């Protein structure tokens, strides 16, 4: 039980008795196997969650960088007046 409690699910109790202890050992083995499967599934889902977050972050970074650059250009007046409409159009496209 100490091994299972610490996360070691690769445990197998020998079950050579048909009494209550044998049934308990058999149930314990089934429990350890199910816990191992659950741990695998949790780890797999966590890996997918992390990959999703990384993908979303990457996909947002490019349009946000473009928007940030255009806004900075507008605020610092480095973008000529005749190009401002194009900047607003690009900002609108990037938000979509």
PDB file of N, CA and C in Angstrom:
ATOM      1  N   UNK A   1       0.825  -1.207   0.000  1.00  0.00           N
ATOM      2  CA  UNK A   1       0.000   0.000   0.000  1.00  0.00           C
ATOM      3  C   UNK A   1       0.857   1.254   0.000  1.00  0.00           C
ATOM      4  N   UNK A   2       2.027   1.211   0.652  1.00  0.00           N
ATOM      5  CA  UNK A   2       2.917   2.377   0.654  1.00  0.00           C
ATOM      6  C   UNK A   2       3.383   2.706  -0.762  1.00  0.00           C
ATOM      7  N   UNK A   3       3.709   1.696  -1.543  1.00  0.00           N
ATOM      8  CA  UNK A   3       4.156   1.922  -2.917  1.00  0.00           C
ATOM      9  C   UNK A   3       3.041   2.552  -3.757  1.00  0.00           C
ATOM     10  N   UNK A   4       1.844   2.020  -3.635  1.00  0.00           N
ATOM     11  CA  UNK A   4       0.713   2.558  -4.399  1.00  0.00           C
ATOM     12  C   UNK A   4       0.416   3.982  -3.953  1.00  0.00           C
ATOM     13  N   UNK A   5       0.443   4.231  -2.664  1.00  0.00           N
ATOM     14  CA  UNK A   5       0.192   5.575  -2.141  1.00  0.00           C
ATOM     15  C   UNK A   5       1.222   6.580  -2.649  1.00  0.00           C
ATOM     16  N   UNK A   6       2.446   6.129  -2.930  1.00  0.00           N
ATOM     17  CA  UNK A   6       3.486   7.028  -3.430  1.00  0.00           C
ATOM     18  C   UNK A   6       3.503   7.104  -4.960  1.00  0.00           C
ATOM     19  N   UNK A   7       2.553   6.437  -5.622  1.00  0.00           N
ATOM     20  CA  UNK A   7       2.438   6.526  -7.071  1.00  0.00           C
ATOM     21  C   UNK A   7       3.050   5.384  -7.843  1.00  0.00           C
ATOM     22  N   UNK A   8       3.537   4.369  -7.181  1.00  0.00           N
ATOM     23  CA  UNK A   8       4.114   3.202  -7.866  1.00  0.00           C
ATOM     24  C   UNK A   8       3.002   2.180  -8.092  1.00  0.00           C
ATOM     25  N   UNK A   9       2.490   2.162  -9.311  1.00  0.00           N
ATOM     26  CA  UNK A   9       1.381   1.247  -9.625  1.00  0.00           C
ATOM     27  C   UNK A   9       1.862  -0.030 -10.305  1.00  0.00           C
ATOM     28  N   UNK A  10       3.176  -0.178 -10.459  1.00  0.00           N
ATOM     29  CA  UNK A  10       3.738  -1.395 -11.050  1.00  0.00           C
ATOM     30  C   UNK A  10       3.959  -2.430  -9.962  1.00  0.00           C
ATOM     31  N   UNK A  11       2.916  -2.771  -9.301  1.00  0.00           N
ATOM     32  CA  UNK A  11       2.996  -3.724  -8.196  1.00  0.00           C
ATOM     33  C   UNK A  11       2.037  -4.867  -8.490  1.00  0.00           C
ATOM     34  N   UNK A  12       2.463  -6.049  -8.142  1.00  0.00           N
ATOM     35  CA  UNK A  12       1.597  -7.218  -8.318  1.00  0.00           C
ATOM     36  C   UNK A  12       1.771  -8.128  -7.110  1.00  0.00           C
ATOM     37  N   UNK A  13       0.673  -8.362  -6.444  1.00  0.00           N
ATOM     38  CA  UNK A  13       0.703  -9.263  -5.287  1.00  0.00           C
ATOM     39  C   UNK A  13       0.425 -10.679  -5.754  1.00  0.00           C
ATOM     40  N   UNK A  14       1.244 -11.602  -5.270  1.00  0.00           N
ATOM     41  CA  UNK A  14       1.002 -13.013  -5.575  1.00  0.00           C
ATOM     42  C   UNK A  14      -0.299 -13.438  -4.915  1.00  0.00           C
ATOM     43  N   UNK A  15      -1.077 -14.174  -5.653  1.00  0.00           N
ATOM     44  CA  UNK A  15      -2.386 -14.581  -5.160  1.00  0.00           C
ATOM     45  C   UNK A  15      -2.530 -16.094  -5.299  1.00  0.00           C
ATOM     46  N   UNK A  16      -2.081 -16.813  -4.297  1.00  0.00           N
ATOM     47  CA  UNK A  16      -2.158 -18.265  -4.365  1.00  0.00           C
ATOM     48  C   UNK A  16      -3.178 -18.832  -3.377  1.00  0.00           C
ATOM     49  N   UNK A  17      -3.928 -17.945  -2.740  1.00  0.00           N
ATOM     50  CA  UNK A  17      -4.909 -18.401  -1.758  1.00  0.00           C
ATOM     51  C   UNK A  17      -6.313 -18.073  -2.248  1.00  0.00           C
ATOM     52  N   UNK A  18      -7.246 -18.909  -1.915  1.00  0.00           N
ATOM     53  CA  UNK A  18      -8.639 -18.693  -2.298  1.00  0.00           C
ATOM     54  C   UNK A  18      -9.471 -18.102  -1.182  1.00  0.00           C
ATOM     55  N   UNK A  19      -8.827 -17.707  -0.116  1.00  0.00           N
ATOM     56  CA  UNK A  19      -9.568 -17.144   1.016  1.00  0.00           C
ATOM     57  C   UNK A  19      -9.726 -15.625   0.881  1.00  0.00           C
ATOM     58  N   UNK A  20     -10.117 -14.979   1.975  1.00  0.00           N
ATOM     59  CA  UNK A  20     -10.332 -13.529   1.952  1.00  0.00           C
ATOM     60  C   UNK A  20      -9.063 -12.763   1.594  1.00  0.00           C
ATOM     61  N   UNK A  21      -7.921 -13.236   2.057  1.00  0.00           N
ATOM     62  CA  UNK A  21      -6.647 -12.577   1.744  1.00  0.00           C
ATOM     63  C   UNK A  21      -6.361 -12.685   0.252  1.00  0.00           C
ATOM     64  N   UNK A  22      -6.674 -13.819  -0.345  1.00  0.00           N
ATOM     65  CA  UNK A  22      -6.478 -13.996  -1.780  1.00  0.00           C
ATOM     66  C   UNK A  22      -7.387 -13.068  -2.583  1.00  0.00           C
ATOM     67  N   UNK A  23      -8.623 -12.944  -2.143  1.00  0.00           N
ATOM     68  CA  UNK A  23      -9.567 -12.042  -2.815  1.00  0.00           C
ATOM     69  C   UNK A  23      -9.083 -10.604  -2.677  1.00  0.00           C
ATOM     70  N   UNK A  24      -8.611 -10.254  -1.483  1.00  0.00           N
ATOM     71  CA  UNK A  24      -8.081  -8.922  -1.250  1.00  0.00           C
ATOM     72  C   UNK A  24      -6.873  -8.650  -2.150  1.00  0.00           C
ATOM     73  N   UNK A  25      -5.978  -9.624  -2.269  1.00  0.00           N
ATOM     74  CA  UNK A  25      -4.799  -9.467  -3.129  1.00  0.00           C
ATOM     75  C   UNK A  25      -5.222  -9.294  -4.586  1.00  0.00           C
ATOM     76  N   UNK A  26      -6.186 -10.062  -5.009  1.00  0.00           N
ATOM     77  CA  UNK A  26      -6.681  -9.956  -6.380  1.00  0.00           C
ATOM     78  C   UNK A  26      -7.305  -8.576  -6.625  1.00  0.00           C
ATOM     79  N   UNK A  27      -8.136  -8.124  -5.689  1.00  0.00           N
ATOM     80  CA  UNK A  27      -8.746  -6.797  -5.810  1.00  0.00           C
ATOM     81  C   UNK A  27      -7.682  -5.695  -5.791  1.00  0.00           C
ATOM     82  N   UNK A  28      -6.663  -5.880  -4.971  1.00  0.00           N
ATOM     83  CA  UNK A  28      -5.578  -4.906  -4.888  1.00  0.00           C
ATOM     84  C   UNK A  28      -4.846  -4.809  -6.229  1.00  0.00           C
ATOM     85  N   UNK A  29      -4.593  -5.958  -6.859  1.00  0.00           N
ATOM     86  CA  UNK A  29      -3.934  -5.972  -8.165  1.00  0.00           C
ATOM     87  C   UNK A  29      -4.786  -5.262  -9.225  1.00  0.00           C
ATOM     88  N   UNK A  30      -6.082  -5.496  -9.194  1.00  0.00           N
ATOM     89  CA  UNK A  30      -6.991  -4.838 -10.139  1.00  0.00           C
ATOM     90  C   UNK A  30      -6.974  -3.327  -9.903  1.00  0.00           C
ATOM     91  N   UNK A  31      -7.014  -2.928  -8.639  1.00  0.00           N
ATOM     92  CA  UNK A  31      -6.985  -1.515  -8.293  1.00  0.00           C
ATOM     93  C   UNK A  31      -5.699  -0.861  -8.795  1.00  0.00           C
ATOM     94  N   UNK A  32      -4.557  -1.500  -8.572  1.00  0.00           N
ATOM     95  CA  UNK A  32      -3.279  -0.940  -9.006  1.00  0.00           C
ATOM     96  C   UNK A  32      -3.232  -0.803 -10.526  1.00  0.00           C
ATOM     97  N   UNK A  33      -3.772  -1.789 -11.233  1.00  0.00           N
ATOM     98  CA  UNK A  33      -3.804  -1.738 -12.689  1.00  0.00           C
ATOM     99  C   UNK A  33      -4.681  -0.580 -13.173  1.00  0.00           C
ATOM    100  N   UNK A  34      -5.840  -0.395 -12.552  1.00  0.00           N
ATOM    101  CA  UNK A  34      -6.734   0.695 -12.945  1.00  0.00           C
ATOM    102  C   UNK A  34      -6.129   2.057 -12.604  1.00  0.00           C
ATOM    103  N   UNK A  35      -5.458   2.148 -11.479  1.00  0.00           N
ATOM    104  CA  UNK A  35      -4.797   3.400 -11.117  1.00  0.00           C
ATOM    105  C   UNK A  35      -3.688   3.739 -12.119  1.00  0.00           C
ATOM    106  N   UNK A  36      -2.967   2.721 -12.563  1.00  0.00           N
ATOM    107  CA  UNK A  36      -1.909   2.931 -13.554  1.00  0.00           C
ATOM    108  C   UNK A  36      -2.506   3.429 -14.873  1.00  0.00           C
ATOM    109  N   UNK A  37      -3.618   2.836 -15.286  1.00  0.00           N
ATOM    110  CA  UNK A  37      -4.279   3.273 -16.513  1.00  0.00           C
ATOM    111  C   UNK A  37      -4.795   4.707 -16.372  1.00  0.00           C
ATOM    112  N   UNK A  38      -5.350   5.023 -15.217  1.00  0.00           N
ATOM    113  CA  UNK A  38      -5.851   6.379 -14.973  1.00  0.00           C
ATOM    114  C   UNK A  38      -4.705   7.388 -15.003  1.00  0.00           C
ATOM    115  N   UNK A  39      -3.587   7.044 -14.399  1.00  0.00           N
ATOM    116  CA  UNK A  39      -2.420   7.932 -14.392  1.00  0.00           C
ATOM    117  C   UNK A  39      -1.934   8.177 -15.819  1.00  0.00           C
ATOM    118  N   UNK A  40      -1.911   7.127 -16.622  1.00  0.00           N
ATOM    119  CA  UNK A  40      -1.491   7.262 -18.021  1.00  0.00           C
ATOM    120  C   UNK A  40      -2.428   8.219 -18.758  1.00  0.00           C
ATOM    121  N   UNK A  41      -3.726   8.062 -18.558  1.00  0.00           N
ATOM    122  CA  UNK A  41      -4.710   8.912 -19.232  1.00  0.00           C
ATOM    123  C   UNK A  41      -4.601  10.362 -18.759  1.00  0.00           C
ATOM    124  N   UNK A  42      -4.406  10.566 -17.481  1.00  0.00           N
ATOM    125  CA  UNK A  42      -4.230  11.926 -16.941  1.00  0.00           C
ATOM    126  C   UNK A  42      -2.978  12.567 -17.547  1.00  0.00           C
ATOM    127  N   UNK A  43      -1.893  11.827 -17.604  1.00  0.00           N
ATOM    128  CA  UNK A  43      -0.652  12.348 -18.180  1.00  0.00           C
ATOM    129  C   UNK A  43      -0.829  12.686 -19.663  1.00  0.00           C
ATOM    130  N   UNK A  44      -1.541  11.832 -20.379  1.00  0.00           N
ATOM    131  CA  UNK A  44      -1.786  12.054 -21.802  1.00  0.00           C
ATOM    132  C   UNK A  44      -2.624  13.321 -22.005  1.00  0.00           C
ATOM    133  N   UNK A  45      -3.672  13.478 -21.208  1.00  0.00           N
ATOM    134  CA  UNK A  45      -4.517  14.664 -21.322  1.00  0.00           C
ATOM    135  C   UNK A  45      -3.769  15.937 -20.934  1.00  0.00           C
ATOM    136  N   UNK A  46      -2.919  15.848 -19.925  1.00  0.00           N
ATOM    137  CA  UNK A  46      -2.127  17.004 -19.511  1.00  0.00           C
ATOM    138  C   UNK A  46      -1.161  17.415 -20.628  1.00  0.00           C
ATOM    139  N   UNK A  47      -0.580  16.444 -21.293  1.00  0.00           N
ATOM    140  CA  UNK A  47       0.322  16.739 -22.408  1.00  0.00           C
ATOM    141  C   UNK A  47      -0.448  17.433 -23.539  1.00  0.00           C
ATOM    142  N   UNK A  48      -1.654  16.951 -23.827  1.00  0.00           N
ATOM    143  CA  UNK A  48      -2.484  17.577 -24.866  1.00  0.00           C
ATOM    144  C   UNK A  48      -2.884  18.992 -24.463  1.00  0.00           C
ATOM    145  N   UNK A  49      -3.193  19.212 -23.192  1.00  0.00           N
ATOM    146  CA  UNK A  49      -3.574  20.534 -22.700  1.00  0.00           C
ATOM    147  C   UNK A  49      -2.409  21.516 -22.861  1.00  0.00           C
ATOM    148  N   UNK A  50      -1.221  21.076 -22.484  1.00  0.00           N
ATOM    149  CA  UNK A  50      -0.045  21.930 -22.614  1.00  0.00           C
ATOM    150  C   UNK A  50       0.249  22.263 -24.074  1.00  0.00           C
ATOM    151  N   UNK A  51       0.090  21.290 -24.948  1.00  0.00           N
ATOM    152  CA  UNK A  51       0.317  21.527 -26.370  1.00  0.00           C
ATOM    153  C   UNK A  51      -0.715  22.514 -26.912  1.00  0.00           C
ATOM    154  N   UNK A  52      -1.955  22.375 -26.479  1.00  0.00           N
ATOM    155  CA  UNK A  52      -3.008  23.298 -26.909  1.00  0.00           C
ATOM    156  C   UNK A  52      -2.690  24.729 -26.483  1.00  0.00           C
ATOM    157  N   UNK A  53      -2.275  24.897 -25.227  1.00  0.00           N
ATOM    158  CA  UNK A  53      -1.928  26.227 -24.719  1.00  0.00           C
ATOM    159  C   UNK A  53      -0.755  26.801 -25.513  1.00  0.00           C
ATOM    160  N   UNK A  54       0.229  25.984 -25.804  1.00  0.00           N
ATOM    161  CA  UNK A  54       1.381  26.449 -26.590  1.00  0.00           C
ATOM    162  C   UNK A  54       0.946  26.848 -27.995  1.00  0.00           C
ATOM    163  N   UNK A  55       0.057  26.069 -28.609  1.00  0.00           N
ATOM    164  CA  UNK A  55      -0.422  26.385 -29.954  1.00  0.00           C
ATOM    165  C   UNK A  55      -1.221  27.685 -29.966  1.00  0.00           C
ATOM    166  N   UNK A  56      -2.098  27.860 -28.978  1.00  0.00           N
ATOM    167  CA  UNK A  56      -2.896  29.085 -28.899  1.00  0.00           C
ATOM    168  C   UNK A  56      -1.980  30.290 -28.699  1.00  0.00           C
ATOM    169  N   UNK A  57      -1.012  30.157 -27.815  1.00  0.00           N
ATOM    170  CA  UNK A  57      -0.073  31.256 -27.572  1.00  0.00           C
ATOM    171  C   UNK A  57       0.666  31.634 -28.849  1.00  0.00           C
ATOM    172  N   UNK A  58       1.101  30.634 -29.567  1.00  0.00           N
ATOM    173  CA  UNK A  58       1.832  30.886 -30.817  1.00  0.00           C
ATOM    174  C   UNK A  58       0.932  31.572 -31.840  1.00  0.00           C
ATOM    175  N   UNK A  59      -0.296  31.106 -31.971  1.00  0.00           N
ATOM    176  CA  UNK A  59      -1.222  31.675 -32.946  1.00  0.00           C
ATOM    177  C   UNK A  59      -1.607  33.110 -32.619  1.00  0.00           C
ATOM    178  N   UNK A  60      -1.628  33.460 -31.351  1.00  0.00           N
ATOM    179  CA  UNK A  60      -1.978  34.822 -30.950  1.00  0.00           C
ATOM    180  C   UNK A  60      -0.794  35.783 -31.050  1.00  0.00           C
ATOM    181  N   UNK A  61       0.392  35.259 -30.918  1.00  0.00           N
ATOM    182  CA  UNK A  61       1.582  36.111 -30.877  1.00  0.00           C
ATOM    183  C   UNK A  61       1.759  36.934 -32.156  1.00  0.00           C
ATOM    184  N   UNK A  62       1.604  36.340 -33.325  1.00  0.00           N
ATOM    185  CA  UNK A  62       1.844  37.049 -34.582  1.00  0.00           C
ATOM    186  C   UNK A  62       0.873  38.218 -34.787  1.00  0.00           C
ATOM    187  N   UNK A  63      -0.440  38.005 -34.702  1.00  0.00           N
ATOM    188  CA  UNK A  63      -1.320  39.160 -34.899  1.00  0.00           C
ATOM    189  C   UNK A  63      -1.158  40.216 -33.813  1.00  0.00           C
ATOM    190  N   UNK A  64      -0.897  39.817 -32.593  1.00  0.00           N
ATOM    191  CA  UNK A  64      -0.711  40.801 -31.529  1.00  0.00           C
ATOM    192  C   UNK A  64       0.552  41.629 -31.758  1.00  0.00           C
ATOM    193  N   UNK A  65       1.596  40.997 -32.254  1.00  0.00           N
ATOM    194  CA  UNK A  65       2.829  41.727 -32.558  1.00  0.00           C
ATOM    195  C   UNK A  65       2.575  42.746 -33.666  1.00  0.00           C
ATOM    196  N   UNK A  66       1.835  42.341 -34.690  1.00  0.00           N
ATOM    197  CA  UNK A  66       1.504  43.254 -35.787  1.00  0.00           C
ATOM    198  C   UNK A  66       0.676  44.429 -35.281  1.00  0.00           C
ATOM    199  N   UNK A  67      -0.363  44.135 -34.515  1.00  0.00           N
ATOM    200  CA  UNK A  67      -1.219  45.190 -33.964  1.00  0.00           C
ATOM    201  C   UNK A  67      -0.405  46.138 -33.092  1.00  0.00           C
ATOM    202  N   UNK A  68       0.437  45.574 -32.234  1.00  0.00           N
ATOM    203  CA  UNK A  68       1.267  46.390 -31.347  1.00  0.00           C
ATOM    204  C   UNK A  68       2.168  47.334 -32.138  1.00  0.00           C
ATOM    205  N   UNK A  69       2.801  46.828 -33.173  1.00  0.00           N
ATOM    206  CA  UNK A  69       3.672  47.659 -33.996  1.00  0.00           C
ATOM    207  C   UNK A  69       2.912  48.783 -34.686  1.00  0.00           C
ATOM    208  N   UNK A  70       1.732  48.468 -35.189  1.00  0.00           N
ATOM    209  CA  UNK A  70       0.935  49.496 -35.864  1.00  0.00           C
ATOM    210  C   UNK A  70       0.454  50.565 -34.885  1.00  0.00           C
ATOM    211  N   UNK A  71       0.010  50.155 -33.719  1.00  0.00           N
ATOM    212  CA  UNK A  71      -0.456  51.111 -32.711  1.00  0.00           C
ATOM    213  C   UNK A  71       0.696  51.999 -32.247  1.00  0.00           C
ATOM    214  N   UNK A  72       1.861  51.395 -32.033  1.00  0.00           N
ATOM    215  CA  UNK A  72       3.025  52.207 -31.653  1.00  0.00           C
ATOM    216  C   UNK A  72       3.365  53.222 -32.745  1.00  0.00           C
ATOM    217  N   UNK A  73       3.289  52.799 -33.992  1.00  0.00           N
ATOM    218  CA  UNK A  73       3.553  53.710 -35.104  1.00  0.00           C
ATOM    219  C   UNK A  73       2.544  54.845 -35.168  1.00  0.00           C
ATOM    220  N   UNK A  74       1.291  54.517 -34.904  1.00  0.00           N
ATOM    221  CA  UNK A  74       0.255  55.553 -34.897  1.00  0.00           C
ATOM    222  C   UNK A  74       0.455  56.516 -33.731  1.00  0.00           C
ATOM    223  N   UNK A  75       0.761  55.985 -32.568  1.00  0.00           N
ATOM    224  CA  UNK A  75       0.949  56.828 -31.377  1.00  0.00           C
ATOM    225  C   UNK A  75       2.172  57.731 -31.481  1.00  0.00           C
ATOM    226  N   UNK A  76       3.223  57.234 -32.118  1.00  0.00           N
ATOM    227  CA  UNK A  76       4.454  58.028 -32.215  1.00  0.00           C
ATOM    228  C   UNK A  76       4.473  58.919 -33.455  1.00  0.00           C
ATOM    229  N   UNK A  77       3.387  58.842 -34.223  1.00  0.00           N
ATOM    230  CA  UNK A  77       3.238  59.656 -35.445  1.00  0.00           C
ATOM    231  C   UNK A  77       4.316  59.360 -36.488  1.00  0.00           C
ATOM    232  N   UNK A  78       4.858  58.141 -36.481  1.00  0.00           N
ATOM    233  CA  UNK A  78       5.843  57.755 -37.497  1.00  0.00           C
ATOM    234  C   UNK A  78       5.166  57.241 -38.765  1.00  0.00           C
ATOM    235  N   UNK A  79       3.893  56.967 -38.674  1.00  0.00           N
ATOM    236  CA  UNK A  79       3.147  56.527 -39.857  1.00  0.00           C
ATOM    237  C   UNK A  79       2.523  57.779 -40.497  1.00  0.00           C
ATOM    238  N   UNK A  80       2.805  57.968 -41.772  1.00  0.00           N
ATOM    239  CA  UNK A  80       2.267  59.155 -42.446  1.00  0.00           C
ATOM    240  C   UNK A  80       0.738  59.154 -42.470  1.00  0.00           C
ATOM    241  N   UNK A  81       0.170  60.315 -42.539  1.00  0.00           N
ATOM    242  CA  UNK A  81      -1.284  60.483 -42.504  1.00  0.00           C
ATOM    243  C   UNK A  81      -1.966  59.675 -43.605  1.00  0.00           C
ATOM    244  N   UNK A  82      -1.368  59.656 -44.805  1.00  0.00           N
ATOM    245  CA  UNK A  82      -2.006  58.937 -45.915  1.00  0.00           C
ATOM    246  C   UNK A  82      -1.940  57.414 -45.766  1.00  0.00           C
ATOM    247  N   UNK A  83      -1.190  56.899 -44.785  1.00  0.00           N
ATOM    248  CA  UNK A  83      -1.083  55.452 -44.533  1.00  0.00           C
ATOM    249  C   UNK A  83      -1.912  55.006 -43.327  1.00  0.00           C
ATOM    250  N   UNK A  84      -2.501  55.936 -42.621  1.00  0.00           N
ATOM    251  CA  UNK A  84      -3.241  55.586 -41.394  1.00  0.00           C
ATOM    252  C   UNK A  84      -4.452  54.702 -41.681  1.00  0.00           C
ATOM    253  N   UNK A  85      -5.151  54.978 -42.770  1.00  0.00           N
ATOM    254  CA  UNK A  85      -6.332  54.166 -43.107  1.00  0.00           C
ATOM    255  C   UNK A  85      -5.914  52.709 -43.336  1.00  0.00           C
ATOM    256  N   UNK A  86      -4.778  52.514 -44.008  1.00  0.00           N
ATOM    257  CA  UNK A  86      -4.246  51.158 -44.231  1.00  0.00           C
ATOM    258  C   UNK A  86      -3.906  50.502 -42.895  1.00  0.00           C
ATOM    259  N   UNK A  87      -3.350  51.269 -41.950  1.00  0.00           N
ATOM    260  CA  UNK A  87      -3.017  50.728 -40.626  1.00  0.00           C
ATOM    261  C   UNK A  87      -4.276  50.252 -39.911  1.00  0.00           C
ATOM    262  N   UNK A  88      -5.320  51.071 -39.944  1.00  0.00           N
ATOM    263  CA  UNK A  88      -6.572  50.684 -39.283  1.00  0.00           C
ATOM    264  C   UNK A  88      -7.176  49.449 -39.945  1.00  0.00           C
ATOM    265  N   UNK A  89      -7.024  49.349 -41.230  1.00  0.00           N
ATOM    266  CA  UNK A  89      -7.515  48.173 -41.961  1.00  0.00           C
ATOM    267  C   UNK A  89      -6.743  46.924 -41.537  1.00  0.00           C
ATOM    268  N   UNK A  90      -5.417  47.043 -41.433  1.00  0.00           N
ATOM    269  CA  UNK A  90      -4.591  45.906 -40.993  1.00  0.00           C
ATOM    270  C   UNK A  90      -4.931  45.494 -39.572  1.00  0.00           C
ATOM    271  N   UNK A  91      -5.106  46.497 -38.699  1.00  0.00           N
ATOM    272  CA  UNK A  91      -5.478  46.183 -37.303  1.00  0.00           C
ATOM    273  C   UNK A  91      -6.792  45.430 -37.274  1.00  0.00           C
ATOM    274  N   UNK A  92      -7.745  45.886 -38.068  1.00  0.00           N
ATOM    275  CA  UNK A  92      -9.052  45.217 -38.130  1.00  0.00           C
ATOM    276  C   UNK A  92      -8.907  43.782 -38.629  1.00  0.00           C
ATOM    277  N   UNK A  93      -8.107  43.569 -39.688  1.00  0.00           N
ATOM    278  CA  UNK A  93      -7.889  42.219 -40.211  1.00  0.00           C
ATOM    279  C   UNK A  93      -7.238  41.301 -39.176  1.00  0.00           C
ATOM    280  N   UNK A  94      -6.239  41.840 -38.476  1.00  0.00           N
ATOM    281  CA  UNK A  94      -5.515  41.023 -37.491  1.00  0.00           C
ATOM    282  C   UNK A  94      -6.407  40.625 -36.317  1.00  0.00           C
ATOM    283  N   UNK A  95      -7.355  41.477 -35.964  1.00  0.00           N
ATOM    284  CA  UNK A  95      -8.250  41.096 -34.853  1.00  0.00           C
ATOM    285  C   UNK A  95      -9.231  40.015 -35.257  1.00  0.00           C
ATOM    286  N   UNK A  96      -9.500  39.928 -36.538  1.00  0.00           N
ATOM    287  CA  UNK A  96     -10.417  38.884 -37.013  1.00  0.00           C
ATOM    288  C   UNK A  96      -9.696  37.561 -37.089  1.00  0.00           C
TER     289      UNK A  96
END
